[in-house]
Amino acid sequence: MSMSTQTLALLAAMGIADDLRQLQAEQRESRREVRERSNQILKTLEREAQA
């Protein structure tokens, strides 16, 4: 059973779209972690400045 060129192109496009979605989710999570860590550092620096 052979697949048509259109079917193969569609499957490839769906795979690429899924990869993109996963990378975007990972990027969102990374940005959230950086934001959280930055806020923790800022709070620590503010406490030290008041001490």
C-alpha atoms as a PDB file:
ATOM      1  CA  MET A   1       0.000   0.000   0.000  1.00  0.00           C
ATOM      2  CA  SER A   2       1.547   3.289  -1.037  1.00  0.00           C
ATOM      3  CA  MET A   3       0.649   6.709   0.271  1.00  0.00           C
ATOM      4  CA  SER A   4      -0.017   9.607  -2.012  1.00  0.00           C
ATOM      5  CA  THR A   5       2.316  12.564  -2.084  1.00  0.00           C
ATOM      6  CA  GLN A   6      -0.442  14.720  -0.592  1.00  0.00           C
ATOM      7  CA  THR A   7      -0.939  12.310   2.298  1.00  0.00           C
ATOM      8  CA  LEU A   8       2.782  12.231   3.031  1.00  0.00           C
ATOM      9  CA  ALA A   9       2.980  16.032   2.838  1.00  0.00           C
ATOM     10  CA  LEU A  10       0.028  16.334   5.218  1.00  0.00           C
ATOM     11  CA  LEU A  11       1.578  13.911   7.703  1.00  0.00           C
ATOM     12  CA  ALA A  12       4.884  15.782   7.536  1.00  0.00           C
ATOM     13  CA  ALA A  13       3.115  19.113   8.073  1.00  0.00           C
ATOM     14  CA  MET A  14       1.229  17.708  11.054  1.00  0.00           C
ATOM     15  CA  GLY A  15       4.487  16.441  12.554  1.00  0.00           C
ATOM     16  CA  ILE A  16       6.145  19.814  12.077  1.00  0.00           C
ATOM     17  CA  ALA A  17       3.139  21.589  13.606  1.00  0.00           C
ATOM     18  CA  ASP A  18       3.273  19.277  16.628  1.00  0.00           C
ATOM     19  CA  ASP A  19       7.010  19.890  17.049  1.00  0.00           C
ATOM     20  CA  LEU A  20       6.379  23.644  16.916  1.00  0.00           C
ATOM     21  CA  ARG A  21       3.602  23.388  19.506  1.00  0.00           C
ATOM     22  CA  GLN A  22       5.879  21.424  21.839  1.00  0.00           C
ATOM     23  CA  LEU A  23       8.748  23.894  21.441  1.00  0.00           C
ATOM     24  CA  GLN A  24       6.417  26.810  22.138  1.00  0.00           C
ATOM     25  CA  ALA A  25       5.177  25.122  25.309  1.00  0.00           C
ATOM     26  CA  GLU A  26       8.764  24.484  26.428  1.00  0.00           C
ATOM     27  CA  GLN A  27       9.661  28.108  25.723  1.00  0.00           C
ATOM     28  CA  ARG A  28       6.681  29.344  27.765  1.00  0.00           C
ATOM     29  CA  GLU A  29       7.754  27.130  30.671  1.00  0.00           C
ATOM     30  CA  SER A  30      11.364  28.323  30.435  1.00  0.00           C
ATOM     31  CA  ARG A  31      10.248  31.949  30.461  1.00  0.00           C
ATOM     32  CA  ARG A  32       8.033  31.271  33.480  1.00  0.00           C
ATOM     33  CA  GLU A  33      10.964  29.692  35.325  1.00  0.00           C
ATOM     34  CA  VAL A  34      13.271  32.617  34.497  1.00  0.00           C
ATOM     35  CA  ARG A  35      10.611  35.085  35.658  1.00  0.00           C
ATOM     36  CA  GLU A  36      10.138  33.153  38.910  1.00  0.00           C
ATOM     37  CA  ARG A  37      13.871  32.931  39.608  1.00  0.00           C
ATOM     38  CA  SER A  38      14.360  36.604  38.779  1.00  0.00           C
ATOM     39  CA  ASN A  39      11.624  37.556  41.232  1.00  0.00           C
ATOM     40  CA  GLN A  40      13.229  35.415  43.928  1.00  0.00           C
ATOM     41  CA  ILE A  41      16.611  37.074  43.343  1.00  0.00           C
ATOM     42  CA  LEU A  42      15.023  40.527  43.402  1.00  0.00           C
ATOM     43  CA  LYS A  43      13.274  39.778  46.707  1.00  0.00           C
ATOM     44  CA  THR A  44      16.548  38.516  48.196  1.00  0.00           C
ATOM     45  CA  LEU A  45      18.394  41.640  47.065  1.00  0.00           C
ATOM     46  CA  GLU A  46      15.676  43.888  48.456  1.00  0.00           C
ATOM     47  CA  ARG A  47      15.822  42.104  51.834  1.00  0.00           C
ATOM     48  CA  GLU A  48      19.616  42.426  51.907  1.00  0.00           C
ATOM     49  CA  ALA A  49      19.410  46.119  51.035  1.00  0.00           C
ATOM     50  CA  GLN A  50      17.055  46.713  53.966  1.00  0.00           C
ATOM     51  CA  ALA A  51      19.206  44.790  56.443  1.00  0.00           C
END
